[in-house]
Protein backbone atom coordinates (compact mmCIF):
# COMPACT_ATOMS: atom_id res chain seq x y z
CA UNK A 1 51.38 -11.15 -118.34
CA UNK A 2 55.19 -11.32 -118.28
CA UNK A 3 57.36 -10.33 -115.29
CA UNK A 4 58.28 -7.13 -117.11
CA UNK A 5 54.58 -6.19 -117.40
CA UNK A 6 53.64 -6.91 -113.78
CA UNK A 7 53.26 -4.18 -111.17
CA UNK A 8 56.74 -3.36 -109.84
CA UNK A 9 56.49 -3.57 -106.08
CA UNK A 10 58.61 -1.01 -104.27
CA UNK A 11 61.33 -2.72 -102.23
CA UNK A 12 60.56 -6.28 -103.36
CA UNK A 13 63.09 -8.62 -101.69
CA UNK A 14 65.65 -10.59 -103.69
CA UNK A 15 64.67 -14.10 -102.55
CA UNK A 16 66.42 -16.96 -104.35
CA UNK A 17 66.46 -20.74 -104.33
CA UNK A 18 68.96 -21.01 -101.46
CA UNK A 19 66.59 -19.48 -98.90
CA UNK A 20 63.60 -21.72 -99.59
CA UNK A 21 65.07 -25.15 -98.65
CA UNK A 22 66.72 -23.57 -95.59
CA UNK A 23 63.35 -22.34 -94.34
CA UNK A 24 61.71 -25.69 -95.14
CA UNK A 25 64.47 -27.57 -93.30
CA UNK A 26 63.89 -25.35 -90.27
CA UNK A 27 60.14 -25.98 -90.40
CA UNK A 28 60.77 -29.73 -90.47
CA UNK A 29 63.48 -29.69 -87.82
CA UNK A 30 61.15 -29.61 -84.85
CA UNK A 31 62.51 -26.22 -83.76
CA UNK A 32 61.43 -22.90 -85.27
CA UNK A 33 62.02 -20.46 -82.39
CA UNK A 34 65.30 -18.89 -81.30
CA UNK A 35 67.90 -21.59 -81.78
CA UNK A 36 70.89 -22.78 -83.84
CA UNK A 37 70.00 -20.84 -87.00
CA UNK A 38 69.85 -17.58 -85.04
CA UNK A 39 73.24 -18.37 -83.49
CA UNK A 40 74.71 -19.04 -86.94
CA UNK A 41 73.25 -15.81 -88.32
CA UNK A 42 74.78 -13.84 -85.44
CA UNK A 43 78.16 -15.41 -86.11
CA UNK A 44 77.92 -14.69 -89.84
CA UNK A 45 76.93 -11.08 -89.19
CA UNK A 46 79.80 -10.68 -86.71
CA UNK A 47 82.24 -11.92 -89.34
CA UNK A 48 80.82 -9.54 -91.95
CA UNK A 49 81.15 -6.61 -89.57
CA UNK A 50 84.60 -7.66 -88.29
CA UNK A 51 83.49 -7.90 -84.66
CA UNK A 52 83.57 -10.69 -82.11
CA UNK A 53 80.54 -13.06 -82.17
CA UNK A 54 79.93 -12.07 -78.57
CA UNK A 55 79.26 -8.49 -79.65
CA UNK A 56 76.12 -9.15 -81.73
CA UNK A 57 72.52 -9.90 -80.83
CA UNK A 58 69.83 -10.94 -83.34
CA UNK A 59 66.40 -9.48 -82.62
CA UNK A 60 62.94 -9.20 -84.17
CA UNK A 61 63.40 -5.63 -85.45
CA UNK A 62 65.71 -2.63 -85.60
CA UNK A 63 63.20 -0.87 -83.35
CA UNK A 64 63.84 -3.51 -80.67
CA UNK A 65 67.59 -3.05 -81.15
CA UNK A 66 67.30 0.71 -80.69
CA UNK A 67 65.14 0.31 -77.59
CA UNK A 68 67.51 -2.22 -75.99
CA UNK A 69 70.55 -0.11 -76.88
CA UNK A 70 69.00 2.92 -75.18
CA UNK A 71 68.09 0.91 -72.09
CA UNK A 72 71.50 -0.77 -71.80
CA UNK A 73 73.13 2.64 -72.25
CA UNK A 74 71.33 3.71 -69.08
CA UNK A 75 68.94 6.14 -70.75
CA UNK A 76 66.05 7.03 -68.46
CA UNK A 77 63.34 9.57 -67.77
CA UNK A 78 64.74 13.10 -67.80
CA UNK A 79 67.51 12.28 -70.27
CA UNK A 80 67.68 13.73 -73.77
CA UNK A 81 68.66 11.92 -76.97
CA UNK A 82 69.72 13.94 -80.02
CA UNK A 83 68.64 12.60 -83.40
CA UNK A 84 67.65 13.76 -86.87
CA UNK A 85 64.31 15.27 -87.84
CA UNK A 86 64.26 13.10 -90.98
CA UNK A 87 63.89 9.46 -90.03
CA UNK A 88 61.30 6.74 -89.68
CA UNK A 89 59.06 7.18 -86.65
CA UNK A 90 60.60 4.06 -85.04
CA UNK A 91 63.76 6.01 -84.18
CA UNK A 92 61.85 8.59 -82.19
CA UNK A 93 59.41 6.07 -80.73
CA UNK A 94 62.25 3.98 -79.30
CA UNK A 95 63.60 7.07 -77.54
CA UNK A 96 60.18 7.88 -76.13
CA UNK A 97 59.68 4.30 -74.90
CA UNK A 98 63.05 4.45 -73.12
CA UNK A 99 61.65 7.34 -71.07
CA UNK A 100 63.91 9.96 -72.63
CA UNK A 101 63.05 13.04 -74.67
CA UNK A 102 63.98 13.11 -78.37
CA UNK A 103 65.75 16.33 -79.34
CA UNK A 104 65.59 16.82 -83.11
CA UNK A 105 68.19 18.45 -85.34
CA UNK A 106 67.58 19.61 -88.91
CA UNK A 107 69.27 17.85 -91.82
CA UNK A 108 72.00 18.83 -94.21
CA UNK A 109 70.02 19.61 -97.41
CA UNK A 110 72.57 17.79 -99.60
CA UNK A 111 73.22 14.56 -97.71
CA UNK A 112 69.81 14.48 -95.96
CA UNK A 113 71.63 13.26 -92.83
CA UNK A 114 71.76 15.07 -89.51
CA UNK A 115 73.50 18.46 -89.78
CA UNK A 116 76.55 17.90 -87.57
CA UNK A 117 77.14 21.64 -87.32
CA UNK A 118 73.90 22.01 -85.35
CA UNK A 119 74.34 19.16 -82.88
CA UNK A 120 76.26 21.09 -80.24
CA UNK A 121 73.67 23.88 -80.25
CA UNK A 122 71.10 21.53 -78.67
CA UNK A 123 73.35 19.77 -76.12
CA UNK A 124 72.26 20.38 -72.53
CA UNK A 125 73.16 18.98 -69.12
CA UNK A 126 70.48 16.33 -69.74
CA UNK A 127 71.89 15.08 -73.05
CA UNK A 128 72.91 11.42 -72.82
CA UNK A 129 73.07 10.07 -76.39
CA UNK A 130 73.62 11.13 -79.99
CA UNK A 131 71.62 8.86 -82.31
CA UNK A 132 72.66 9.44 -85.94
CA UNK A 133 70.63 7.82 -88.73
CA UNK A 134 72.50 6.81 -91.88
CA UNK A 135 69.63 7.75 -94.18
CA UNK A 136 69.32 5.89 -97.51
CA UNK A 137 72.58 4.08 -96.68
CA UNK A 138 74.79 7.18 -96.85
CA UNK A 139 77.00 7.34 -93.73
CA UNK A 140 76.70 10.36 -91.49
CA UNK A 141 79.81 12.43 -90.77
CA UNK A 142 80.93 10.04 -88.04
CA UNK A 143 84.27 11.80 -87.57
CA UNK A 144 82.50 14.97 -86.43
CA UNK A 145 79.93 13.04 -84.39
CA UNK A 146 82.59 11.04 -82.53
CA UNK A 147 84.49 14.25 -81.80
CA UNK A 148 81.36 15.91 -80.39
CA UNK A 149 80.47 12.82 -78.34
CA UNK A 150 83.96 12.53 -76.85
CA UNK A 151 84.07 16.24 -76.05
CA UNK A 152 80.72 16.08 -74.23
CA UNK A 153 80.99 12.56 -72.76
CA UNK A 154 78.03 11.27 -74.78
CA UNK A 155 77.10 7.77 -75.97
CA UNK A 156 76.65 7.11 -79.71
CA UNK A 157 73.91 4.74 -80.91
CA UNK A 158 73.95 4.35 -84.71
CA UNK A 159 70.65 3.73 -86.49
CA UNK A 160 71.89 1.56 -89.35
CA UNK A 161 68.49 0.41 -90.64
CA UNK A 162 69.52 1.48 -94.17
CA UNK A 163 73.24 0.88 -93.84
CA UNK A 164 74.24 -2.76 -93.59
CA UNK A 165 77.01 -2.44 -96.21
CA UNK A 166 78.00 1.17 -95.45
CA UNK A 167 81.52 2.18 -94.46
CA UNK A 168 83.06 5.42 -93.23
CA UNK A 169 86.77 5.88 -93.93
CA UNK A 170 87.30 2.13 -94.00
CA UNK A 171 85.29 1.45 -90.84
CA UNK A 172 82.09 -0.57 -90.95
CA UNK A 173 79.03 1.49 -90.08
CA UNK A 174 77.52 0.27 -86.83
CA UNK A 175 80.92 -0.40 -85.30
CA UNK A 176 82.03 3.22 -84.88
CA UNK A 177 79.63 4.22 -82.13
CA UNK A 178 78.97 2.40 -78.87
CA UNK A 179 76.02 0.60 -80.46
CA UNK A 180 74.87 -0.17 -84.00
CA UNK A 181 71.27 -1.16 -84.79
CA UNK A 182 70.31 -2.86 -88.06
CA UNK A 183 67.08 -3.77 -89.84
CA UNK A 184 66.22 -6.89 -91.87
CA UNK A 185 62.66 -5.79 -92.62
CA UNK A 186 61.10 -7.05 -95.85
CA UNK A 187 62.24 -4.03 -97.90
CA UNK A 188 65.80 -3.87 -96.57
CA UNK A 189 69.10 -4.88 -98.19
CA UNK A 190 69.20 -8.10 -96.16
CA UNK A 191 65.76 -9.57 -95.51
CA UNK A 192 64.42 -11.83 -92.77
CA UNK A 193 60.79 -10.66 -93.23
CA UNK A 194 60.98 -9.04 -89.80
CA UNK A 195 64.25 -8.81 -87.93
CA UNK A 196 67.09 -6.74 -86.57
CA UNK A 197 70.57 -6.92 -85.08
CA UNK A 198 72.40 -5.00 -82.39
CA UNK A 199 76.16 -4.59 -82.17
CA UNK A 200 77.72 -3.29 -78.96
CA UNK A 201 81.37 -2.59 -78.21
CA UNK A 202 80.89 -3.90 -74.66
CA UNK A 203 79.99 -7.61 -74.52
CA UNK A 204 78.41 -7.05 -71.11
CA UNK A 205 75.81 -4.84 -72.80
CA UNK A 206 75.03 -7.63 -75.29
CA UNK A 207 74.67 -10.19 -72.51
CA UNK A 208 72.33 -7.90 -70.56
CA UNK A 209 70.34 -7.07 -73.70
CA UNK A 210 70.05 -10.76 -74.61
CA UNK A 211 68.31 -11.41 -71.29
CA UNK A 212 66.07 -8.37 -71.73
CA UNK A 213 65.11 -9.57 -75.22
CA UNK A 214 63.82 -12.83 -73.70
CA UNK A 215 61.54 -11.52 -70.94
CA UNK A 216 64.53 -11.07 -68.63
CA UNK A 217 65.33 -14.81 -68.61
CA UNK A 218 68.88 -16.20 -68.51
CA UNK A 219 68.10 -19.13 -70.88
CA UNK A 220 66.26 -19.05 -74.19
CA UNK A 221 63.84 -21.87 -75.01
CA UNK A 222 66.39 -23.75 -77.15
CA UNK A 223 68.74 -23.89 -74.17
CA UNK A 224 65.88 -24.99 -71.91
CA UNK A 225 64.28 -27.63 -74.11
CA UNK A 226 67.22 -28.82 -76.25
CA UNK A 227 68.97 -32.19 -76.31
CA UNK A 228 70.82 -31.45 -73.06
CA UNK A 229 67.53 -31.64 -71.18
CA UNK A 230 65.39 -29.11 -69.36
CA UNK A 231 67.12 -26.33 -67.44
CA UNK A 232 65.51 -24.06 -64.87
CA UNK A 233 65.85 -20.34 -65.56
CA UNK A 234 66.13 -17.20 -63.49
CA UNK A 235 64.52 -13.83 -64.15
CA UNK A 236 66.86 -10.85 -63.95
CA UNK A 237 64.57 -8.04 -65.03
CA UNK A 238 61.15 -7.25 -66.48
CA UNK A 239 62.19 -7.84 -70.07
CA UNK A 240 60.60 -7.83 -73.50
CA UNK A 241 59.78 -10.27 -76.33
CA UNK A 242 62.33 -9.10 -78.86
CA UNK A 243 64.10 -12.32 -79.93
CA UNK A 244 64.57 -13.47 -83.53
CA UNK A 245 63.27 -16.87 -84.70
CA UNK A 246 65.14 -19.58 -86.59
CA UNK A 247 62.66 -19.16 -89.46
CA UNK A 248 63.76 -15.54 -89.89
CA UNK A 249 67.43 -16.44 -89.50
CA UNK A 250 67.05 -19.12 -92.20
CA UNK A 251 66.34 -16.33 -94.66
CA UNK A 252 69.06 -14.07 -93.29
CA UNK A 253 71.88 -16.63 -93.52
CA UNK A 254 71.65 -16.79 -97.31
CA UNK A 255 70.73 -13.14 -97.77
CA UNK A 256 73.87 -12.12 -95.89
CA UNK A 257 76.01 -14.53 -97.93
CA UNK A 258 75.01 -12.56 -101.06
CA UNK A 259 75.07 -9.11 -99.47
CA UNK A 260 77.94 -7.73 -101.59
CA UNK A 261 76.56 -9.23 -104.80
CA UNK A 262 73.18 -7.59 -104.16
CA UNK A 263 74.92 -4.32 -103.23
CA UNK A 264 76.80 -4.29 -106.57
CA UNK A 265 73.54 -4.81 -108.45
CA UNK A 266 71.85 -1.91 -106.64
CA UNK A 267 74.88 0.30 -107.25
CA UNK A 268 74.65 -0.37 -110.98
CA UNK A 269 70.93 0.49 -110.93
CA UNK A 270 71.71 3.76 -109.11
CA UNK A 271 74.33 4.64 -111.73
CA UNK A 272 71.82 3.93 -114.49
CA UNK A 273 69.18 6.10 -112.83
CA UNK A 274 71.59 9.02 -112.41
CA UNK A 275 72.66 8.93 -116.04
CA UNK A 276 69.16 8.41 -117.43
CA UNK A 277 67.46 11.08 -115.30
CA UNK A 278 70.18 13.74 -115.37
CA UNK A 279 68.41 15.90 -117.98
CA UNK A 280 65.07 15.97 -116.14
CA UNK A 281 64.00 18.75 -113.74
CA UNK A 282 64.39 16.57 -110.65
CA UNK A 283 66.92 16.79 -107.84
CA UNK A 284 69.08 13.67 -107.88
CA UNK A 285 70.71 12.12 -104.79
CA UNK A 286 73.92 13.44 -103.30
CA UNK A 287 76.93 11.66 -104.80
CA UNK A 288 78.88 10.19 -101.88
CA UNK A 289 82.56 10.95 -101.40
CA UNK A 290 85.23 8.34 -102.04
CA UNK A 291 85.94 8.10 -98.30
CA UNK A 292 82.57 6.43 -97.67
CA UNK A 293 80.73 3.40 -99.00
CA UNK A 294 77.04 4.01 -99.68
CA UNK A 295 74.79 1.01 -98.96
CA UNK A 296 72.37 2.10 -101.73
CA UNK A 297 69.32 1.12 -99.75
CA UNK A 298 67.24 3.92 -101.28
CA UNK A 299 67.43 5.99 -104.43
CA UNK A 300 65.62 9.22 -103.60
CA UNK A 301 64.83 12.08 -105.94
CA UNK A 302 63.17 15.35 -105.02
CA UNK A 303 60.28 16.77 -107.00
CA UNK A 304 60.15 20.55 -106.82
CA UNK A 305 56.68 21.43 -108.07
CA UNK A 306 57.74 24.91 -109.23
CA UNK A 307 60.51 23.72 -111.51
CA UNK A 308 59.01 20.31 -112.34
CA UNK A 309 55.46 21.49 -113.10
CA UNK A 310 54.30 18.36 -111.28
CA UNK A 311 53.79 17.76 -107.58
CA UNK A 312 55.43 14.96 -105.65
CA UNK A 313 52.10 13.25 -104.98
CA UNK A 314 51.08 13.61 -108.64
CA UNK A 315 54.38 11.97 -109.57
CA UNK A 316 53.62 9.06 -107.21
CA UNK A 317 50.13 8.71 -108.70
CA UNK A 318 51.52 8.80 -112.24
CA UNK A 319 54.01 6.06 -111.43
CA UNK A 320 51.29 3.96 -109.83
CA UNK A 321 49.19 4.30 -112.99
CA UNK A 322 52.24 3.09 -114.93
CA UNK A 323 52.37 0.01 -112.72
CA UNK A 324 55.32 1.12 -110.60
CA UNK A 325 55.45 1.40 -106.81
CA UNK A 326 57.34 4.23 -105.10
CA UNK A 327 57.96 5.34 -101.53
CA UNK A 328 58.41 8.44 -99.37
CA UNK A 329 61.45 8.46 -97.04
CA UNK A 330 60.50 10.44 -95.06
CA UNK A 331 58.10 13.14 -94.10
CA UNK A 332 59.75 15.15 -91.34
CA UNK A 333 59.06 14.03 -87.79
CA UNK A 334 58.32 17.73 -87.19
CA UNK A 335 55.43 17.58 -89.66
CA UNK A 336 53.34 15.09 -87.67
CA UNK A 337 50.85 16.64 -85.28
CA UNK A 338 51.40 13.89 -82.70
CA UNK A 339 55.10 14.75 -82.32
CA UNK A 340 54.44 18.49 -82.56
CA UNK A 341 52.14 18.17 -79.55
CA UNK A 342 54.17 15.65 -77.57
CA UNK A 343 57.62 17.18 -78.10
CA UNK A 344 56.63 20.83 -78.46
CA UNK A 345 58.08 21.02 -81.97
CA UNK A 346 57.81 24.00 -84.29
CA UNK A 347 58.13 22.94 -87.96
CA UNK A 348 59.83 26.21 -88.90
CA UNK A 349 62.84 25.09 -86.84
CA UNK A 350 63.46 22.27 -89.35
CA UNK A 351 63.17 23.92 -92.78
CA UNK A 352 65.36 21.44 -94.69
CA UNK A 353 63.67 18.40 -93.17
CA UNK A 354 60.21 19.80 -93.89
CA UNK A 355 61.14 20.70 -97.48
CA UNK A 356 62.63 17.27 -98.11
CA UNK A 357 59.55 15.61 -96.66
CA UNK A 358 57.33 17.51 -99.07
CA UNK A 359 59.47 16.74 -102.13
CA UNK A 360 61.12 13.36 -101.65
CA UNK A 361 60.17 10.18 -103.50
CA UNK A 362 62.04 6.87 -103.59
CA UNK A 363 62.31 4.81 -106.76
CA UNK A 364 62.37 0.99 -106.74
CA UNK A 365 65.86 -0.24 -105.90
CA UNK A 366 66.12 -3.98 -105.46
CA UNK A 367 68.65 -6.53 -106.59
CA UNK A 368 65.66 -8.50 -107.90
CA UNK A 369 64.87 -5.86 -110.55
CA UNK A 370 65.57 -6.94 -114.12
CA UNK A 371 67.20 -4.63 -116.67
CA UNK A 372 63.87 -4.42 -118.49
CA UNK A 373 62.10 -3.33 -115.30
CA UNK A 374 64.71 -0.66 -114.57
CA UNK A 375 64.35 0.69 -118.12
CA UNK A 376 60.57 0.67 -117.73
CA UNK A 377 60.88 2.74 -114.54
CA UNK A 378 63.07 5.31 -116.27
CA UNK A 379 60.89 5.45 -119.37
CA UNK A 380 57.79 5.96 -117.22
CA UNK A 381 59.44 8.93 -115.48
CA UNK A 382 60.50 10.45 -118.80
CA UNK A 383 56.94 10.01 -120.08
CA UNK A 384 55.54 11.83 -117.02
CA UNK A 385 57.70 14.83 -117.83
CA UNK A 386 56.96 14.82 -121.54
CA UNK A 387 53.19 15.23 -121.15
């Protein structure tokens, strides 16, 4: 079986020869925990985002970054955090674990991002944070969000899990708000298997979060057991185990070095999809304005069963039978019974999020896809609609 005939895994990472010897060298170095490779990765990410190296913190997930950002922002029980109804559950879970209450806002049906026109309608005296999610890599309307936050004295924590390369009016996403939280999960644009990064405008917040990410200690293990000899540590708080390892950073160093090359490849695949699928009865993604840079993390189409004569789940099954993996990003948070019960949600308050969750499907979009694989994906979709 050739590569073009194999099952196309949704979100397969673009791992190349540079990463492998770096990981092997780390394994043979005698140090695989948080150490020099993590420090290098933080510095490289700082340079890419045009921020000081002291303003970044590498972690084991974007969820950890969100949780630490909320804690360092002073969020506590009784506070409210405004976010979108269409996001991965990690966004809402991080808010819940901080002790605050998530307050959901419906999405703009075109961009699928939080509807900025509805944010102020849910602000109360308990509101502490606005947490926009740059879904699929398309930046939210940060101009409007910053204006609302400044007017109401609110903190902005950007969920940039999909948006490493994204820009809004020339500004790097994740550097506009008070905090930016990024994901390097195995399906993301930059991959460390598991991993995340936090950017904060205030270096003091990074320093405090660094201690919290290491059980509240003031020295990581590399700085305790390194060549300078053992150092005693102090405990400043009851922290967490959120640190990144050098093994993960070994992947990230080379992934980040190719980030723009991989972005260009995904952009070309998106353009091919749009042209090839334009005559089919599917809803194609919103075309971003020239003032923003789309990270192209996901290519989502919507399957309206009435007009398509095929359901979303039947589409997913048909693609699976053709040897192609797909994804759903995402069912509305307001559609899950757990959150309905815990947060007192009523799904009818989020019509656009619910509708998107019932119709959305993500096509494979990886820099590792060959031209033949991309054509096979398109031809399989066309075949589904020709039956």
